[in-house]
Amino acid sequence: MRRYRHTSSPTEMLKDLGWASLQVRRRTARLAMPYKIQHSIISTEGLKDKLQHHGGEGPMASSWYSR
């Protein structure tokens, strides 16, 4: 597939290749992350250093958020 013209459609090229849209690929990656963490497929070593604990009361008590 060597289409380098300005009239070439990236969407059509993705369809020709059988690739999912960027939106679908991002959603799949986002949903796969908790599974990979739960099953120790990826390392979370050092993750707490990059997150800050949010203390307090209410629904957000004891949650973590990125600094």
PDB file of N, CA and C in Angstrom:
ATOM      1  N   MET A   1       0.856  -1.163   0.000  1.00  0.00           N
ATOM      2  CA  MET A   1       0.000   0.000   0.000  1.00  0.00           C
ATOM      3  C   MET A   1       0.902   1.225   0.000  1.00  0.00           C
ATOM      4  N   ARG A   2       1.083   1.796  -1.121  1.00  0.00           N
ATOM      5  CA  ARG A   2       1.947   2.976  -1.233  1.00  0.00           C
ATOM      6  C   ARG A   2       1.157   4.133  -1.811  1.00  0.00           C
ATOM      7  N   ARG A   3       0.311   4.693  -0.993  1.00  0.00           N
ATOM      8  CA  ARG A   3      -0.486   5.844  -1.412  1.00  0.00           C
ATOM      9  C   ARG A   3       0.055   7.064  -0.682  1.00  0.00           C
ATOM     10  N   TYR A   4       0.692   7.932  -1.423  1.00  0.00           N
ATOM     11  CA  TYR A   4       1.275   9.117  -0.811  1.00  0.00           C
ATOM     12  C   TYR A   4       0.696  10.399  -1.402  1.00  0.00           C
ATOM     13  N   ARG A   5      -0.493  10.314  -1.938  1.00  0.00           N
ATOM     14  CA  ARG A   5      -1.119  11.489  -2.530  1.00  0.00           C
ATOM     15  C   ARG A   5      -1.945  12.220  -1.483  1.00  0.00           C
ATOM     16  N   HIS A   6      -2.144  13.504  -1.706  1.00  0.00           N
ATOM     17  CA  HIS A   6      -2.949  14.307  -0.785  1.00  0.00           C
ATOM     18  C   HIS A   6      -4.408  13.867  -0.793  1.00  0.00           C
ATOM     19  N   THR A   7      -4.819  13.181  -1.840  1.00  0.00           N
ATOM     20  CA  THR A   7      -6.219  12.753  -1.937  1.00  0.00           C
ATOM     21  C   THR A   7      -6.447  11.400  -1.279  1.00  0.00           C
ATOM     22  N   SER A   8      -5.390  10.752  -0.816  1.00  0.00           N
ATOM     23  CA  SER A   8      -5.533   9.453  -0.160  1.00  0.00           C
ATOM     24  C   SER A   8      -6.236   9.631   1.179  1.00  0.00           C
ATOM     25  N   SER A   9      -7.094   8.688   1.510  1.00  0.00           N
ATOM     26  CA  SER A   9      -7.857   8.768   2.749  1.00  0.00           C
ATOM     27  C   SER A   9      -7.263   7.838   3.802  1.00  0.00           C
ATOM     28  N   PRO A  10      -6.783   8.380   4.916  1.00  0.00           N
ATOM     29  CA  PRO A  10      -6.266   7.527   5.987  1.00  0.00           C
ATOM     30  C   PRO A  10      -7.322   6.553   6.505  1.00  0.00           C
ATOM     31  N   THR A  11      -8.573   7.001   6.553  1.00  0.00           N
ATOM     32  CA  THR A  11      -9.654   6.134   7.017  1.00  0.00           C
ATOM     33  C   THR A  11      -9.800   4.927   6.100  1.00  0.00           C
ATOM     34  N   GLU A  12      -9.757   5.156   4.807  1.00  0.00           N
ATOM     35  CA  GLU A  12      -9.862   4.049   3.852  1.00  0.00           C
ATOM     36  C   GLU A  12      -8.653   3.120   3.953  1.00  0.00           C
ATOM     37  N   MET A  13      -7.474   3.693   4.176  1.00  0.00           N
ATOM     38  CA  MET A  13      -6.278   2.863   4.329  1.00  0.00           C
ATOM     39  C   MET A  13      -6.404   1.964   5.555  1.00  0.00           C
ATOM     40  N   LEU A  14      -6.919   2.512   6.664  1.00  0.00           N
ATOM     41  CA  LEU A  14      -7.117   1.706   7.872  1.00  0.00           C
ATOM     42  C   LEU A  14      -8.108   0.582   7.611  1.00  0.00           C
ATOM     43  N   LYS A  15      -9.169   0.885   6.881  1.00  0.00           N
ATOM     44  CA  LYS A  15     -10.155  -0.147   6.546  1.00  0.00           C
ATOM     45  C   LYS A  15      -9.520  -1.230   5.678  1.00  0.00           C
ATOM     46  N   ASP A  16      -8.720  -0.816   4.694  1.00  0.00           N
ATOM     47  CA  ASP A  16      -8.045  -1.780   3.816  1.00  0.00           C
ATOM     48  C   ASP A  16      -7.118  -2.696   4.607  1.00  0.00           C
ATOM     49  N   LEU A  17      -6.454  -2.149   5.627  1.00  0.00           N
ATOM     50  CA  LEU A  17      -5.538  -2.932   6.453  1.00  0.00           C
ATOM     51  C   LEU A  17      -6.265  -3.762   7.499  1.00  0.00           C
ATOM     52  N   GLY A  18      -7.535  -3.436   7.736  1.00  0.00           N
ATOM     53  CA  GLY A  18      -8.299  -4.158   8.745  1.00  0.00           C
ATOM     54  C   GLY A  18      -8.001  -3.689  10.158  1.00  0.00           C
ATOM     55  N   TRP A  19      -7.480  -2.476  10.302  1.00  0.00           N
ATOM     56  CA  TRP A  19      -7.148  -1.934  11.614  1.00  0.00           C
ATOM     57  C   TRP A  19      -8.375  -1.272  12.231  1.00  0.00           C
ATOM     58  N   ALA A  20      -8.428  -1.286  13.545  1.00  0.00           N
ATOM     59  CA  ALA A  20      -9.498  -0.596  14.262  1.00  0.00           C
ATOM     60  C   ALA A  20      -9.213   0.905  14.261  1.00  0.00           C
ATOM     61  N   SER A  21     -10.248   1.676  14.497  1.00  0.00           N
ATOM     62  CA  SER A  21     -10.071   3.130  14.558  1.00  0.00           C
ATOM     63  C   SER A  21      -9.232   3.496  15.785  1.00  0.00           C
ATOM     64  N   LEU A  22      -8.703   4.703  15.788  1.00  0.00           N
ATOM     65  CA  LEU A  22      -7.903   5.171  16.918  1.00  0.00           C
ATOM     66  C   LEU A  22      -8.741   5.175  18.190  1.00  0.00           C
ATOM     67  N   GLN A  23      -9.999   5.560  18.075  1.00  0.00           N
ATOM     68  CA  GLN A  23     -10.899   5.580  19.232  1.00  0.00           C
ATOM     69  C   GLN A  23     -11.037   4.185  19.833  1.00  0.00           C
ATOM     70  N   VAL A  24     -11.210   3.177  19.001  1.00  0.00           N
ATOM     71  CA  VAL A  24     -11.357   1.801  19.483  1.00  0.00           C
ATOM     72  C   VAL A  24     -10.050   1.300  20.079  1.00  0.00           C
ATOM     73  N   ARG A  25      -8.927   1.613  19.434  1.00  0.00           N
ATOM     74  CA  ARG A  25      -7.632   1.172  19.960  1.00  0.00           C
ATOM     75  C   ARG A  25      -7.330   1.811  21.307  1.00  0.00           C
ATOM     76  N   ARG A  26      -7.674   3.089  21.476  1.00  0.00           N
ATOM     77  CA  ARG A  26      -7.459   3.757  22.764  1.00  0.00           C
ATOM     78  C   ARG A  26      -8.347   3.153  23.847  1.00  0.00           C
ATOM     79  N   ARG A  27      -9.596   2.870  23.513  1.00  0.00           N
ATOM     80  CA  ARG A  27     -10.525   2.280  24.485  1.00  0.00           C
ATOM     81  C   ARG A  27     -10.031   0.903  24.914  1.00  0.00           C
ATOM     82  N   THR A  28      -9.585   0.105  23.962  1.00  0.00           N
ATOM     83  CA  THR A  28      -9.068  -1.225  24.267  1.00  0.00           C
ATOM     84  C   THR A  28      -7.865  -1.135  25.198  1.00  0.00           C
ATOM     85  N   ALA A  29      -6.951  -0.222  24.912  1.00  0.00           N
ATOM     86  CA  ALA A  29      -5.765  -0.055  25.756  1.00  0.00           C
ATOM     87  C   ALA A  29      -6.151   0.399  27.160  1.00  0.00           C
ATOM     88  N   ARG A  30      -7.122   1.326  27.242  1.00  0.00           N
ATOM     89  CA  ARG A  30      -7.553   1.837  28.544  1.00  0.00           C
ATOM     90  C   ARG A  30      -8.209   0.736  29.377  1.00  0.00           C
ATOM     91  N   LEU A  31      -8.995  -0.118  28.741  1.00  0.00           N
ATOM     92  CA  LEU A  31      -9.670  -1.192  29.464  1.00  0.00           C
ATOM     93  C   LEU A  31      -8.726  -2.343  29.801  1.00  0.00           C
ATOM     94  N   ALA A  32      -7.664  -2.502  29.033  1.00  0.00           N
ATOM     95  CA  ALA A  32      -6.720  -3.590  29.278  1.00  0.00           C
ATOM     96  C   ALA A  32      -5.785  -3.294  30.449  1.00  0.00           C
ATOM     97  N   MET A  33      -5.548  -2.031  30.738  1.00  0.00           N
ATOM     98  CA  MET A  33      -4.592  -1.660  31.781  1.00  0.00           C
ATOM     99  C   MET A  33      -4.939  -2.236  33.152  1.00  0.00           C
ATOM    100  N   PRO A  34      -6.180  -2.095  33.656  1.00  0.00           N
ATOM    101  CA  PRO A  34      -6.486  -2.677  34.974  1.00  0.00           C
ATOM    102  C   PRO A  34      -6.293  -4.197  35.003  1.00  0.00           C
ATOM    103  N   TYR A  35      -6.621  -4.867  33.916  1.00  0.00           N
ATOM    104  CA  TYR A  35      -6.425  -6.316  33.831  1.00  0.00           C
ATOM    105  C   TYR A  35      -4.942  -6.656  33.947  1.00  0.00           C
ATOM    106  N   LYS A  36      -4.108  -5.923  33.224  1.00  0.00           N
ATOM    107  CA  LYS A  36      -2.670  -6.186  33.243  1.00  0.00           C
ATOM    108  C   LYS A  36      -2.073  -5.926  34.621  1.00  0.00           C
ATOM    109  N   ILE A  37      -2.564  -4.886  35.299  1.00  0.00           N
ATOM    110  CA  ILE A  37      -2.082  -4.603  36.653  1.00  0.00           C
ATOM    111  C   ILE A  37      -2.518  -5.707  37.604  1.00  0.00           C
ATOM    112  N   GLN A  38      -3.790  -6.098  37.538  1.00  0.00           N
ATOM    113  CA  GLN A  38      -4.341  -7.129  38.426  1.00  0.00           C
ATOM    114  C   GLN A  38      -3.602  -8.453  38.285  1.00  0.00           C
ATOM    115  N   HIS A  39      -3.212  -8.813  37.067  1.00  0.00           N
ATOM    116  CA  HIS A  39      -2.567 -10.098  36.809  1.00  0.00           C
ATOM    117  C   HIS A  39      -1.047  -9.997  36.725  1.00  0.00           C
ATOM    118  N   SER A  40      -0.498  -8.890  37.203  1.00  0.00           N
ATOM    119  CA  SER A  40       0.953  -8.656  37.255  1.00  0.00           C
ATOM    120  C   SER A  40       1.632  -8.836  35.904  1.00  0.00           C
ATOM    121  N   ILE A  41       0.942  -8.459  34.854  1.00  0.00           N
ATOM    122  CA  ILE A  41       1.521  -8.521  33.516  1.00  0.00           C
ATOM    123  C   ILE A  41       2.449  -7.327  33.302  1.00  0.00           C
ATOM    124  N   ILE A  42       2.114  -6.213  33.940  1.00  0.00           N
ATOM    125  CA  ILE A  42       2.984  -5.043  33.899  1.00  0.00           C
ATOM    126  C   ILE A  42       3.377  -4.685  35.323  1.00  0.00           C
ATOM    127  N   SER A  43       4.498  -4.050  35.457  1.00  0.00           N
ATOM    128  CA  SER A  43       4.996  -3.674  36.773  1.00  0.00           C
ATOM    129  C   SER A  43       4.393  -2.344  37.203  1.00  0.00           C
ATOM    130  N   THR A  44       4.021  -2.279  38.465  1.00  0.00           N
ATOM    131  CA  THR A  44       3.548  -1.016  39.028  1.00  0.00           C
ATOM    132  C   THR A  44       4.582  -0.466  40.007  1.00  0.00           C
ATOM    133  N   GLU A  45       5.792  -0.994  39.930  1.00  0.00           N
ATOM    134  CA  GLU A  45       6.880  -0.543  40.792  1.00  0.00           C
ATOM    135  C   GLU A  45       7.102   0.954  40.595  1.00  0.00           C
ATOM    136  N   GLY A  46       7.119   1.678  41.678  1.00  0.00           N
ATOM    137  CA  GLY A  46       7.348   3.109  41.601  1.00  0.00           C
ATOM    138  C   GLY A  46       6.110   3.925  41.272  1.00  0.00           C
ATOM    139  N   LEU A  47       4.974   3.285  41.117  1.00  0.00           N
ATOM    140  CA  LEU A  47       3.757   4.008  40.758  1.00  0.00           C
ATOM    141  C   LEU A  47       3.315   4.957  41.861  1.00  0.00           C
ATOM    142  N   LYS A  48       3.437   4.531  43.108  1.00  0.00           N
ATOM    143  CA  LYS A  48       2.998   5.380  44.215  1.00  0.00           C
ATOM    144  C   LYS A  48       3.836   6.648  44.319  1.00  0.00           C
ATOM    145  N   ASP A  49       5.068   6.619  43.815  1.00  0.00           N
ATOM    146  CA  ASP A  49       5.896   7.821  43.819  1.00  0.00           C
ATOM    147  C   ASP A  49       5.324   8.893  42.892  1.00  0.00           C
ATOM    148  N   LYS A  50       4.594   8.460  41.880  1.00  0.00           N
ATOM    149  CA  LYS A  50       4.041   9.389  40.903  1.00  0.00           C
ATOM    150  C   LYS A  50       2.612   9.802  41.227  1.00  0.00           C
ATOM    151  N   LEU A  51       2.028   9.170  42.222  1.00  0.00           N
ATOM    152  CA  LEU A  51       0.665   9.482  42.628  1.00  0.00           C
ATOM    153  C   LEU A  51       0.664  10.078  44.022  1.00  0.00           C
ATOM    154  N   GLN A  52      -0.331  10.857  44.308  1.00  0.00           N
ATOM    155  CA  GLN A  52      -0.453  11.473  45.616  1.00  0.00           C
ATOM    156  C   GLN A  52      -1.744  10.978  46.254  1.00  0.00           C
ATOM    157  N   HIS A  53      -1.667  10.588  47.517  1.00  0.00           N
ATOM    158  CA  HIS A  53      -2.844  10.101  48.230  1.00  0.00           C
ATOM    159  C   HIS A  53      -3.751  11.270  48.572  1.00  0.00           C
ATOM    160  N   HIS A  54      -5.042  11.095  48.336  1.00  0.00           N
ATOM    161  CA  HIS A  54      -6.041  12.115  48.649  1.00  0.00           C
ATOM    162  C   HIS A  54      -6.798  11.668  49.885  1.00  0.00           C
ATOM    163  N   GLY A  55      -6.470  12.245  51.025  1.00  0.00           N
ATOM    164  CA  GLY A  55      -7.170  11.907  52.257  1.00  0.00           C
ATOM    165  C   GLY A  55      -8.451  12.705  52.362  1.00  0.00           C
ATOM    166  N   GLY A  56      -9.154  12.520  53.430  1.00  0.00           N
ATOM    167  CA  GLY A  56     -10.367  13.296  53.637  1.00  0.00           C
ATOM    168  C   GLY A  56     -11.580  12.408  53.780  1.00  0.00           C
ATOM    169  N   GLU A  57     -12.722  13.010  53.592  1.00  0.00           N
ATOM    170  CA  GLU A  57     -13.981  12.298  53.759  1.00  0.00           C
ATOM    171  C   GLU A  57     -14.767  12.326  52.459  1.00  0.00           C
ATOM    172  N   GLY A  58     -15.782  11.512  52.416  1.00  0.00           N
ATOM    173  CA  GLY A  58     -16.656  11.499  51.252  1.00  0.00           C
ATOM    174  C   GLY A  58     -16.250  10.449  50.242  1.00  0.00           C
ATOM    175  N   PRO A  59     -16.851  10.515  49.060  1.00  0.00           N
ATOM    176  CA  PRO A  59     -16.629   9.472  48.049  1.00  0.00           C
ATOM    177  C   PRO A  59     -15.194   9.404  47.538  1.00  0.00           C
ATOM    178  N   MET A  60     -14.440  10.499  47.657  1.00  0.00           N
ATOM    179  CA  MET A  60     -13.060  10.504  47.165  1.00  0.00           C
ATOM    180  C   MET A  60     -12.050  10.162  48.251  1.00  0.00           C
ATOM    181  N   ALA A  61     -12.509   9.860  49.453  1.00  0.00           N
ATOM    182  CA  ALA A  61     -11.600   9.544  50.555  1.00  0.00           C
ATOM    183  C   ALA A  61     -10.765   8.322  50.208  1.00  0.00           C
ATOM    184  N   SER A  62      -9.517   8.380  50.573  1.00  0.00           N
ATOM    185  CA  SER A  62      -8.565   7.289  50.356  1.00  0.00           C
ATOM    186  C   SER A  62      -8.390   6.942  48.889  1.00  0.00           C
ATOM    187  N   SER A  63      -8.539   7.885  48.014  1.00  0.00           N
ATOM    188  CA  SER A  63      -8.300   7.617  46.601  1.00  0.00           C
ATOM    189  C   SER A  63      -6.950   8.206  46.203  1.00  0.00           C
ATOM    190  N   TRP A  64      -6.497   7.838  45.039  1.00  0.00           N
ATOM    191  CA  TRP A  64      -5.209   8.301  44.531  1.00  0.00           C
ATOM    192  C   TRP A  64      -5.450   9.126  43.277  1.00  0.00           C
ATOM    193  N   TYR A  65      -4.634  10.119  43.068  1.00  0.00           N
ATOM    194  CA  TYR A  65      -4.713  10.889  41.838  1.00  0.00           C
ATOM    195  C   TYR A  65      -3.312  11.308  41.431  1.00  0.00           C
ATOM    196  N   SER A  66      -3.162  11.590  40.160  1.00  0.00           N
ATOM    197  CA  SER A  66      -1.856  11.950  39.624  1.00  0.00           C
ATOM    198  C   SER A  66      -1.483  13.360  40.035  1.00  0.00           C
ATOM    199  N   ARG A  67      -0.202  13.558  40.334  1.00  0.00           N
ATOM    200  CA  ARG A  67       0.293  14.896  40.698  1.00  0.00           C
ATOM    201  C   ARG A  67       0.409  15.765  39.485  1.00  0.00           C
TER     202      ARG A  67
END
